[in-house]
Amino acid sequence: MSDPQTSGRPCRHLAEGPRVGLRHFGRADGAEFTARARESRELHRPWLFPPLTDDAYRAYAASLDEDPAKAGFLVCERESGAIAGFVNINDIVHGAFRCGALGYGAFAHAADRGLLSEGLRLVMAYAFGELRLHRLEANIQPGYAASIALVRRHGFRLEGYSPDFLHIDGAWRDHERWAITAVSP
């Protein structure tokens, strides 16, 4: 399957691993992204709420494209081109801080296959290289074992606990703060 934005040509990736490639969100990705998100509701709830409608997707993708404090990446299977998940870097701050906060999710058809993990590795390299960030954070609800396992596998360290940190699904939720810093040469 090729990227609809490239009119039948192979998809251009910002970075590639053995099984996945990263690319930015595109307008033409809305139908597939929202279908995957709807298929994945049971996997995502109560932790994650990606856009489920075309209008919500358009607003979401536009915010990632237009806001310089955000960078969004689709994790796509290299063989089929199917969207396996997404990784976003939010709240990007440059200057002395050079930090960003991660948001991510795998879709049900790709869960437990290591594709999001491979995609996260590529995003980390992009963040510490191209974006010149020094630090990435992931704020995770304490009961979200799969998310905690993902960041732990990638070398993130638990730095703290933030009560009532984010408003999710109608309530203020506690989060653990996990982070990793770029290795200095």
N, C-alpha and C. Protein backbone atom coordinates (compact mmCIF):
# COMPACT_ATOMS: atom_id res chain seq x y z
N MET A 1 0.84 -1.18 0.00
CA MET A 1 0.00 0.00 0.00
C MET A 1 0.88 1.23 0.00
N SER A 2 0.66 2.13 -0.89
CA SER A 2 1.46 3.35 -0.93
C SER A 2 0.71 4.48 -0.25
N ASP A 3 1.41 5.52 0.09
CA ASP A 3 0.84 6.68 0.74
C ASP A 3 -0.06 7.39 -0.27
N PRO A 4 -1.32 7.66 0.10
CA PRO A 4 -2.22 8.33 -0.84
C PRO A 4 -1.70 9.70 -1.25
N GLN A 5 -0.89 10.34 -0.43
CA GLN A 5 -0.37 11.65 -0.76
C GLN A 5 0.67 11.59 -1.87
N THR A 6 1.24 10.44 -2.12
CA THR A 6 2.29 10.34 -3.11
C THR A 6 1.79 9.75 -4.42
N SER A 7 0.48 9.68 -4.59
CA SER A 7 -0.14 9.23 -5.84
C SER A 7 0.44 7.93 -6.37
N GLY A 8 0.51 6.91 -5.54
CA GLY A 8 0.95 5.61 -5.98
C GLY A 8 2.45 5.39 -5.90
N ARG A 9 3.22 6.42 -5.65
CA ARG A 9 4.67 6.25 -5.48
C ARG A 9 4.95 5.72 -4.08
N PRO A 10 6.09 5.10 -3.86
CA PRO A 10 6.42 4.61 -2.52
C PRO A 10 6.46 5.77 -1.51
N CYS A 11 6.08 5.47 -0.29
CA CYS A 11 6.04 6.46 0.78
C CYS A 11 7.46 6.92 1.13
N ARG A 12 7.64 8.22 1.32
CA ARG A 12 8.93 8.76 1.76
C ARG A 12 8.93 8.86 3.28
N HIS A 13 9.91 8.25 3.88
CA HIS A 13 10.00 8.26 5.33
C HIS A 13 11.08 9.23 5.79
N LEU A 14 10.86 9.82 6.95
CA LEU A 14 11.87 10.68 7.57
C LEU A 14 12.99 9.82 8.14
N ALA A 15 12.63 8.63 8.59
CA ALA A 15 13.58 7.67 9.15
C ALA A 15 12.98 6.29 8.97
N GLU A 16 13.86 5.29 8.88
CA GLU A 16 13.40 3.91 8.70
C GLU A 16 14.15 2.97 9.61
N GLY A 17 13.41 2.00 10.11
CA GLY A 17 13.99 0.89 10.85
C GLY A 17 13.77 -0.36 10.03
N PRO A 18 14.08 -1.52 10.59
CA PRO A 18 13.90 -2.77 9.83
C PRO A 18 12.46 -3.02 9.39
N ARG A 19 11.48 -2.64 10.24
CA ARG A 19 10.09 -2.95 9.91
C ARG A 19 9.18 -1.75 9.78
N VAL A 20 9.60 -0.58 10.26
CA VAL A 20 8.74 0.60 10.21
C VAL A 20 9.47 1.81 9.66
N GLY A 21 8.69 2.74 9.19
CA GLY A 21 9.20 4.04 8.78
C GLY A 21 8.38 5.12 9.46
N LEU A 22 8.99 6.29 9.63
CA LEU A 22 8.31 7.43 10.22
C LEU A 22 8.00 8.44 9.13
N ARG A 23 6.82 9.02 9.22
CA ARG A 23 6.49 10.15 8.36
C ARG A 23 5.54 11.06 9.11
N HIS A 24 5.43 12.28 8.63
CA HIS A 24 4.52 13.23 9.25
C HIS A 24 3.08 12.88 8.92
N PHE A 25 2.17 13.34 9.73
CA PHE A 25 0.74 13.20 9.48
C PHE A 25 0.40 13.94 8.20
N GLY A 26 -0.51 13.39 7.42
CA GLY A 26 -0.98 14.05 6.21
C GLY A 26 -2.50 14.07 6.18
N ARG A 27 -3.04 15.00 5.42
CA ARG A 27 -4.51 15.09 5.31
C ARG A 27 -5.11 13.80 4.79
N ALA A 28 -4.43 13.17 3.85
CA ALA A 28 -4.96 11.95 3.24
C ALA A 28 -4.94 10.75 4.18
N ASP A 29 -4.31 10.88 5.34
CA ASP A 29 -4.23 9.78 6.31
C ASP A 29 -5.46 9.68 7.21
N GLY A 30 -6.35 10.65 7.14
CA GLY A 30 -7.47 10.73 8.06
C GLY A 30 -8.34 9.49 8.10
N ALA A 31 -8.74 8.99 6.93
CA ALA A 31 -9.66 7.84 6.90
C ALA A 31 -9.02 6.61 7.54
N GLU A 32 -7.77 6.31 7.19
CA GLU A 32 -7.11 5.14 7.78
C GLU A 32 -6.86 5.35 9.27
N PHE A 33 -6.35 6.53 9.65
CA PHE A 33 -6.05 6.79 11.05
C PHE A 33 -7.30 6.65 11.92
N THR A 34 -8.39 7.27 11.52
CA THR A 34 -9.60 7.22 12.35
C THR A 34 -10.22 5.82 12.38
N ALA A 35 -10.13 5.09 11.27
CA ALA A 35 -10.62 3.71 11.26
C ALA A 35 -9.79 2.87 12.23
N ARG A 36 -8.46 3.03 12.20
CA ARG A 36 -7.59 2.29 13.13
C ARG A 36 -7.88 2.69 14.57
N ALA A 37 -8.11 3.98 14.81
CA ALA A 37 -8.40 4.44 16.17
C ALA A 37 -9.72 3.85 16.67
N ARG A 38 -10.73 3.80 15.81
CA ARG A 38 -12.02 3.21 16.22
C ARG A 38 -11.86 1.71 16.51
N GLU A 39 -11.09 1.00 15.68
CA GLU A 39 -10.84 -0.43 15.90
C GLU A 39 -10.07 -0.67 17.19
N SER A 40 -9.38 0.34 17.68
CA SER A 40 -8.47 0.19 18.82
C SER A 40 -9.02 0.75 20.12
N ARG A 41 -10.28 1.14 20.14
CA ARG A 41 -10.86 1.74 21.35
C ARG A 41 -10.64 0.89 22.60
N GLU A 42 -10.89 -0.40 22.48
CA GLU A 42 -10.74 -1.27 23.65
C GLU A 42 -9.29 -1.29 24.14
N LEU A 43 -8.35 -1.26 23.24
CA LEU A 43 -6.93 -1.23 23.60
C LEU A 43 -6.56 0.10 24.27
N HIS A 44 -7.10 1.19 23.76
CA HIS A 44 -6.69 2.53 24.21
C HIS A 44 -7.37 2.99 25.50
N ARG A 45 -8.61 2.61 25.69
CA ARG A 45 -9.35 3.14 26.84
C ARG A 45 -8.92 2.47 28.13
N PRO A 46 -8.78 3.18 29.23
CA PRO A 46 -9.10 4.57 29.49
C PRO A 46 -7.89 5.50 29.39
N TRP A 47 -6.85 5.06 28.72
CA TRP A 47 -5.59 5.80 28.73
C TRP A 47 -5.45 6.83 27.62
N LEU A 48 -6.00 6.54 26.48
CA LEU A 48 -5.66 7.27 25.27
C LEU A 48 -6.92 7.55 24.46
N PHE A 49 -6.99 8.73 23.85
CA PHE A 49 -8.18 9.14 23.10
C PHE A 49 -7.78 9.81 21.78
N PRO A 50 -7.25 9.04 20.85
CA PRO A 50 -6.92 9.62 19.54
C PRO A 50 -8.20 10.00 18.79
N PRO A 51 -8.11 10.88 17.81
CA PRO A 51 -9.31 11.31 17.08
C PRO A 51 -9.99 10.15 16.36
N LEU A 52 -11.33 10.16 16.43
CA LEU A 52 -12.12 9.07 15.85
C LEU A 52 -12.91 9.50 14.62
N THR A 53 -13.00 10.80 14.37
CA THR A 53 -13.77 11.31 13.22
C THR A 53 -12.85 12.08 12.29
N ASP A 54 -13.32 12.27 11.06
CA ASP A 54 -12.52 13.03 10.08
C ASP A 54 -12.27 14.45 10.55
N ASP A 55 -13.30 15.11 11.09
CA ASP A 55 -13.13 16.49 11.57
C ASP A 55 -12.13 16.56 12.72
N ALA A 56 -12.23 15.63 13.65
CA ALA A 56 -11.29 15.60 14.78
C ALA A 56 -9.88 15.32 14.30
N TYR A 57 -9.73 14.42 13.32
CA TYR A 57 -8.41 14.13 12.77
C TYR A 57 -7.82 15.36 12.09
N ARG A 58 -8.62 16.06 11.29
CA ARG A 58 -8.12 17.25 10.58
C ARG A 58 -7.60 18.28 11.58
N ALA A 59 -8.35 18.52 12.65
CA ALA A 59 -7.91 19.48 13.67
C ALA A 59 -6.63 19.01 14.36
N TYR A 60 -6.58 17.73 14.67
CA TYR A 60 -5.43 17.13 15.34
C TYR A 60 -4.18 17.23 14.46
N ALA A 61 -4.30 16.80 13.21
CA ALA A 61 -3.16 16.84 12.28
C ALA A 61 -2.72 18.27 12.03
N ALA A 62 -3.67 19.20 11.89
CA ALA A 62 -3.33 20.61 11.67
C ALA A 62 -2.57 21.17 12.86
N SER A 63 -2.97 20.80 14.08
CA SER A 63 -2.27 21.32 15.26
C SER A 63 -0.83 20.81 15.30
N LEU A 64 -0.61 19.59 14.86
CA LEU A 64 0.75 19.04 14.83
C LEU A 64 1.59 19.71 13.76
N ASP A 65 0.96 20.07 12.66
CA ASP A 65 1.66 20.68 11.53
C ASP A 65 1.94 22.16 11.76
N GLU A 66 1.01 22.87 12.37
CA GLU A 66 1.08 24.32 12.47
C GLU A 66 1.77 24.83 13.73
N ASP A 67 1.80 24.05 14.77
CA ASP A 67 2.36 24.50 16.05
C ASP A 67 3.85 24.14 16.11
N PRO A 68 4.74 25.12 16.17
CA PRO A 68 6.17 24.81 16.22
C PRO A 68 6.60 24.09 17.50
N ALA A 69 5.72 24.05 18.48
CA ALA A 69 6.02 23.35 19.73
C ALA A 69 5.55 21.90 19.69
N LYS A 70 5.20 21.40 18.48
CA LYS A 70 4.76 20.02 18.33
C LYS A 70 5.40 19.40 17.09
N ALA A 71 5.62 18.10 17.16
CA ALA A 71 6.06 17.32 16.00
C ALA A 71 5.35 15.98 16.07
N GLY A 72 4.64 15.64 15.01
CA GLY A 72 3.88 14.40 15.00
C GLY A 72 4.38 13.44 13.94
N PHE A 73 4.41 12.16 14.29
CA PHE A 73 4.94 11.13 13.39
C PHE A 73 4.00 9.94 13.34
N LEU A 74 3.72 9.49 12.14
CA LEU A 74 3.02 8.22 11.95
C LEU A 74 4.07 7.13 11.88
N VAL A 75 3.81 6.04 12.56
CA VAL A 75 4.67 4.85 12.49
C VAL A 75 3.98 3.92 11.49
N CYS A 76 4.63 3.71 10.35
CA CYS A 76 4.03 2.92 9.26
C CYS A 76 4.83 1.66 9.01
N GLU A 77 4.12 0.57 8.77
CA GLU A 77 4.79 -0.67 8.42
C GLU A 77 5.44 -0.50 7.05
N ARG A 78 6.72 -0.82 6.96
CA ARG A 78 7.44 -0.60 5.70
C ARG A 78 6.90 -1.48 4.58
N GLU A 79 6.56 -2.71 4.89
CA GLU A 79 6.14 -3.64 3.84
C GLU A 79 4.79 -3.27 3.24
N SER A 80 3.82 -2.93 4.10
CA SER A 80 2.46 -2.66 3.61
C SER A 80 2.12 -1.18 3.53
N GLY A 81 2.83 -0.35 4.27
CA GLY A 81 2.49 1.07 4.36
C GLY A 81 1.41 1.36 5.38
N ALA A 82 0.85 0.33 6.01
CA ALA A 82 -0.23 0.51 6.98
C ALA A 82 0.25 1.31 8.19
N ILE A 83 -0.63 2.18 8.69
CA ILE A 83 -0.31 2.95 9.88
C ILE A 83 -0.41 2.02 11.09
N ALA A 84 0.71 1.85 11.78
CA ALA A 84 0.77 0.96 12.95
C ALA A 84 0.55 1.72 14.25
N GLY A 85 0.81 3.01 14.25
CA GLY A 85 0.68 3.82 15.45
C GLY A 85 1.19 5.22 15.20
N PHE A 86 1.42 5.93 16.28
CA PHE A 86 1.88 7.31 16.17
C PHE A 86 2.70 7.67 17.40
N VAL A 87 3.62 8.62 17.21
CA VAL A 87 4.40 9.18 18.31
C VAL A 87 4.45 10.68 18.07
N ASN A 88 4.05 11.45 19.07
CA ASN A 88 4.10 12.90 18.97
C ASN A 88 5.04 13.44 20.02
N ILE A 89 5.71 14.52 19.68
CA ILE A 89 6.49 15.28 20.66
C ILE A 89 5.75 16.59 20.85
N ASN A 90 5.27 16.82 22.05
CA ASN A 90 4.49 18.01 22.40
C ASN A 90 5.30 18.91 23.32
N ASP A 91 4.85 20.14 23.44
CA ASP A 91 5.45 21.09 24.38
C ASP A 91 6.96 21.21 24.17
N ILE A 92 7.38 21.28 22.92
CA ILE A 92 8.80 21.40 22.61
C ILE A 92 9.29 22.78 23.04
N VAL A 93 10.34 22.79 23.83
CA VAL A 93 10.95 24.03 24.29
C VAL A 93 12.42 23.97 23.87
N HIS A 94 12.89 25.03 23.24
CA HIS A 94 14.30 25.10 22.86
C HIS A 94 15.03 25.97 23.88
N GLY A 95 16.10 26.59 23.51
CA GLY A 95 16.87 27.40 24.45
C GLY A 95 17.64 26.50 25.40
N ALA A 96 17.72 26.92 26.64
CA ALA A 96 18.48 26.16 27.64
C ALA A 96 17.81 24.85 28.03
N PHE A 97 16.49 24.74 27.85
CA PHE A 97 15.76 23.55 28.29
C PHE A 97 15.85 22.41 27.26
N ARG A 98 15.58 22.69 25.99
CA ARG A 98 15.63 21.73 24.89
C ARG A 98 14.95 20.40 25.25
N CYS A 99 13.65 20.48 25.49
CA CYS A 99 12.88 19.33 25.98
C CYS A 99 11.58 19.21 25.21
N GLY A 100 11.02 18.00 25.21
CA GLY A 100 9.70 17.75 24.64
C GLY A 100 9.02 16.63 25.41
N ALA A 101 7.69 16.62 25.36
CA ALA A 101 6.89 15.60 26.05
C ALA A 101 6.26 14.67 25.02
N LEU A 102 6.42 13.38 25.22
CA LEU A 102 5.92 12.38 24.27
C LEU A 102 4.46 12.01 24.52
N GLY A 103 3.79 11.73 23.42
CA GLY A 103 2.48 11.09 23.42
C GLY A 103 2.54 10.04 22.33
N TYR A 104 1.95 8.86 22.56
CA TYR A 104 2.09 7.79 21.57
C TYR A 104 1.00 6.75 21.75
N GLY A 105 0.84 5.95 20.72
CA GLY A 105 -0.10 4.85 20.79
C GLY A 105 0.08 3.91 19.61
N ALA A 106 -0.13 2.63 19.86
CA ALA A 106 -0.14 1.62 18.79
C ALA A 106 -1.59 1.33 18.46
N PHE A 107 -1.84 0.92 17.25
CA PHE A 107 -3.18 0.49 16.88
C PHE A 107 -3.29 -1.02 17.09
N ALA A 108 -4.51 -1.48 17.30
CA ALA A 108 -4.76 -2.87 17.71
C ALA A 108 -4.11 -3.89 16.79
N HIS A 109 -4.17 -3.68 15.48
CA HIS A 109 -3.61 -4.66 14.55
C HIS A 109 -2.09 -4.77 14.68
N ALA A 110 -1.46 -3.75 15.27
CA ALA A 110 0.00 -3.73 15.39
C ALA A 110 0.48 -3.95 16.83
N ALA A 111 -0.44 -4.04 17.76
CA ALA A 111 -0.07 -4.17 19.17
C ALA A 111 0.70 -5.46 19.42
N ASP A 112 1.64 -5.38 20.35
CA ASP A 112 2.44 -6.53 20.79
C ASP A 112 3.32 -7.11 19.68
N ARG A 113 3.63 -6.31 18.68
CA ARG A 113 4.52 -6.76 17.60
C ARG A 113 5.84 -5.99 17.60
N GLY A 114 6.01 -5.05 18.53
CA GLY A 114 7.25 -4.29 18.61
C GLY A 114 7.37 -3.15 17.62
N LEU A 115 6.30 -2.88 16.87
CA LEU A 115 6.36 -1.83 15.85
C LEU A 115 6.40 -0.44 16.47
N LEU A 116 5.59 -0.20 17.50
CA LEU A 116 5.63 1.10 18.16
C LEU A 116 6.97 1.30 18.85
N SER A 117 7.52 0.26 19.42
CA SER A 117 8.82 0.34 20.06
C SER A 117 9.89 0.75 19.05
N GLU A 118 9.86 0.15 17.88
CA GLU A 118 10.80 0.52 16.83
C GLU A 118 10.58 1.97 16.39
N GLY A 119 9.31 2.36 16.28
CA GLY A 119 8.99 3.74 15.91
C GLY A 119 9.46 4.73 16.96
N LEU A 120 9.28 4.40 18.24
CA LEU A 120 9.75 5.28 19.31
C LEU A 120 11.26 5.45 19.24
N ARG A 121 11.98 4.38 18.98
CA ARG A 121 13.44 4.46 18.85
C ARG A 121 13.82 5.46 17.74
N LEU A 122 13.10 5.41 16.62
CA LEU A 122 13.37 6.34 15.51
C LEU A 122 13.03 7.77 15.89
N VAL A 123 11.93 7.97 16.62
CA VAL A 123 11.56 9.33 17.05
C VAL A 123 12.59 9.87 18.03
N MET A 124 13.07 9.03 18.93
CA MET A 124 14.10 9.48 19.87
C MET A 124 15.35 9.94 19.11
N ALA A 125 15.78 9.17 18.12
CA ALA A 125 16.95 9.56 17.33
C ALA A 125 16.69 10.88 16.61
N TYR A 126 15.50 11.06 16.07
CA TYR A 126 15.13 12.29 15.38
C TYR A 126 15.12 13.47 16.37
N ALA A 127 14.55 13.25 17.55
CA ALA A 127 14.46 14.31 18.55
C ALA A 127 15.84 14.75 19.03
N PHE A 128 16.71 13.78 19.30
CA PHE A 128 18.04 14.11 19.81
C PHE A 128 18.98 14.55 18.69
N GLY A 129 18.66 14.23 17.46
CA GLY A 129 19.48 14.63 16.32
C GLY A 129 18.92 15.86 15.64
N GLU A 130 17.97 15.64 14.73
CA GLU A 130 17.39 16.71 13.92
C GLU A 130 16.82 17.87 14.75
N LEU A 131 16.07 17.56 15.80
CA LEU A 131 15.44 18.61 16.61
C LEU A 131 16.39 19.19 17.66
N ARG A 132 17.51 18.53 17.89
CA ARG A 132 18.52 18.98 18.85
C ARG A 132 17.98 19.13 20.27
N LEU A 133 17.04 18.23 20.64
CA LEU A 133 16.54 18.24 22.01
C LEU A 133 17.55 17.54 22.91
N HIS A 134 17.50 17.87 24.17
CA HIS A 134 18.37 17.23 25.15
C HIS A 134 17.59 16.24 26.02
N ARG A 135 16.28 16.44 26.12
CA ARG A 135 15.48 15.67 27.07
C ARG A 135 14.11 15.35 26.46
N LEU A 136 13.64 14.13 26.70
CA LEU A 136 12.29 13.73 26.36
C LEU A 136 11.62 13.21 27.62
N GLU A 137 10.36 13.59 27.81
CA GLU A 137 9.59 13.14 28.95
C GLU A 137 8.37 12.36 28.47
N ALA A 138 7.92 11.43 29.30
CA ALA A 138 6.67 10.71 29.07
C ALA A 138 5.93 10.70 30.39
N ASN A 139 4.76 11.31 30.41
CA ASN A 139 3.94 11.34 31.61
C ASN A 139 2.87 10.27 31.46
N ILE A 140 2.90 9.28 32.36
CA ILE A 140 2.11 8.06 32.19
C ILE A 140 1.29 7.79 33.45
N GLN A 141 0.01 7.44 33.24
CA GLN A 141 -0.83 7.07 34.38
C GLN A 141 -0.26 5.79 35.01
N PRO A 142 -0.17 5.75 36.33
CA PRO A 142 0.50 4.64 37.02
C PRO A 142 0.01 3.24 36.64
N GLY A 143 -1.24 3.07 36.30
CA GLY A 143 -1.75 1.74 35.96
C GLY A 143 -1.53 1.32 34.52
N TYR A 144 -0.93 2.17 33.72
CA TYR A 144 -0.76 1.88 32.29
C TYR A 144 0.54 1.09 32.09
N ALA A 145 0.50 -0.18 32.45
CA ALA A 145 1.70 -1.04 32.48
C ALA A 145 2.40 -1.14 31.13
N ALA A 146 1.65 -1.25 30.03
CA ALA A 146 2.28 -1.38 28.72
C ALA A 146 3.08 -0.14 28.36
N SER A 147 2.57 1.03 28.68
CA SER A 147 3.27 2.28 28.38
C SER A 147 4.54 2.42 29.24
N ILE A 148 4.41 2.06 30.49
CA ILE A 148 5.58 2.11 31.38
C ILE A 148 6.65 1.13 30.89
N ALA A 149 6.25 -0.05 30.49
CA ALA A 149 7.21 -1.04 29.99
C ALA A 149 7.91 -0.53 28.73
N LEU A 150 7.17 0.16 27.85
CA LEU A 150 7.74 0.70 26.63
C LEU A 150 8.85 1.70 26.92
N VAL A 151 8.58 2.68 27.77
CA VAL A 151 9.62 3.69 28.03
C VAL A 151 10.78 3.10 28.83
N ARG A 152 10.48 2.18 29.72
CA ARG A 152 11.55 1.54 30.49
C ARG A 152 12.51 0.79 29.56
N ARG A 153 11.96 0.09 28.55
CA ARG A 153 12.80 -0.62 27.56
C ARG A 153 13.73 0.32 26.81
N HIS A 154 13.32 1.57 26.68
CA HIS A 154 14.11 2.53 25.91
C HIS A 154 15.01 3.39 26.79
N GLY A 155 15.15 3.02 28.05
CA GLY A 155 16.10 3.70 28.92
C GLY A 155 15.57 4.88 29.69
N PHE A 156 14.26 5.13 29.63
CA PHE A 156 13.71 6.22 30.43
C PHE A 156 13.79 5.85 31.90
N ARG A 157 13.96 6.85 32.75
CA ARG A 157 14.03 6.64 34.19
C ARG A 157 12.83 7.32 34.85
N LEU A 158 12.34 6.72 35.91
CA LEU A 158 11.25 7.30 36.67
C LEU A 158 11.81 8.46 37.49
N GLU A 159 11.23 9.65 37.29
CA GLU A 159 11.73 10.83 37.99
C GLU A 159 10.78 11.36 39.06
N GLY A 160 9.52 11.01 38.96
CA GLY A 160 8.62 11.54 39.96
C GLY A 160 7.18 11.18 39.72
N TYR A 161 6.35 11.69 40.61
CA TYR A 161 4.92 11.42 40.61
C TYR A 161 4.20 12.76 40.65
N SER A 162 3.24 12.94 39.76
CA SER A 162 2.51 14.20 39.68
C SER A 162 1.02 13.96 39.90
N PRO A 163 0.51 14.27 41.09
CA PRO A 163 -0.92 14.09 41.36
C PRO A 163 -1.76 15.04 40.50
N ASP A 164 -2.93 14.56 40.07
CA ASP A 164 -3.87 15.39 39.30
C ASP A 164 -3.18 16.14 38.16
N PHE A 165 -2.36 15.46 37.40
CA PHE A 165 -1.50 16.11 36.41
C PHE A 165 -2.21 16.49 35.12
N LEU A 166 -3.01 15.58 34.55
CA LEU A 166 -3.70 15.84 33.29
C LEU A 166 -5.17 15.50 33.40
N HIS A 167 -5.99 16.29 32.71
CA HIS A 167 -7.43 16.05 32.68
C HIS A 167 -7.74 15.09 31.53
N ILE A 168 -8.07 13.85 31.86
CA ILE A 168 -8.30 12.80 30.87
C ILE A 168 -9.61 12.10 31.20
N ASP A 169 -10.44 11.93 30.20
CA ASP A 169 -11.70 11.20 30.34
C ASP A 169 -12.55 11.74 31.49
N GLY A 170 -12.61 13.07 31.60
CA GLY A 170 -13.50 13.71 32.57
C GLY A 170 -12.97 13.86 33.98
N ALA A 171 -11.70 13.53 34.22
CA ALA A 171 -11.17 13.65 35.58
C ALA A 171 -9.67 13.98 35.54
N TRP A 172 -9.20 14.61 36.61
CA TRP A 172 -7.77 14.87 36.74
C TRP A 172 -7.09 13.57 37.16
N ARG A 173 -6.07 13.17 36.40
CA ARG A 173 -5.41 11.88 36.60
C ARG A 173 -3.97 12.08 37.09
N ASP A 174 -3.57 11.21 38.03
CA ASP A 174 -2.19 11.18 38.49
C ASP A 174 -1.32 10.59 37.38
N HIS A 175 -0.06 11.01 37.34
CA HIS A 175 0.88 10.51 36.35
C HIS A 175 2.25 10.31 36.97
N GLU A 176 2.96 9.33 36.44
CA GLU A 176 4.38 9.17 36.74
C GLU A 176 5.14 9.92 35.66
N ARG A 177 6.22 10.56 36.04
CA ARG A 177 7.05 11.30 35.09
C ARG A 177 8.31 10.49 34.79
N TRP A 178 8.43 10.05 33.54
CA TRP A 178 9.57 9.29 33.06
C TRP A 178 10.35 10.18 32.10
N ALA A 179 11.66 10.09 32.09
CA ALA A 179 12.45 10.94 31.20
C ALA A 179 13.75 10.26 30.79
N ILE A 180 14.29 10.77 29.70
CA ILE A 180 15.59 10.35 29.21
C ILE A 180 16.28 11.57 28.64
N THR A 181 17.58 11.64 28.79
CA THR A 181 18.35 12.74 28.23
C THR A 181 19.31 12.18 27.16
N ALA A 182 19.66 13.05 26.23
CA ALA A 182 20.60 12.69 25.18
C ALA A 182 21.95 12.37 25.81
N VAL A 183 22.61 11.42 25.24
CA VAL A 183 23.95 11.07 25.71
C VAL A 183 24.92 12.09 25.13
N SER A 184 25.69 12.72 26.00
CA SER A 184 26.66 13.72 25.53
C SER A 184 27.86 13.01 24.91
N PRO A 185 28.40 13.58 23.82
CA PRO A 185 29.56 12.94 23.17
C PRO A 185 30.81 13.02 24.02
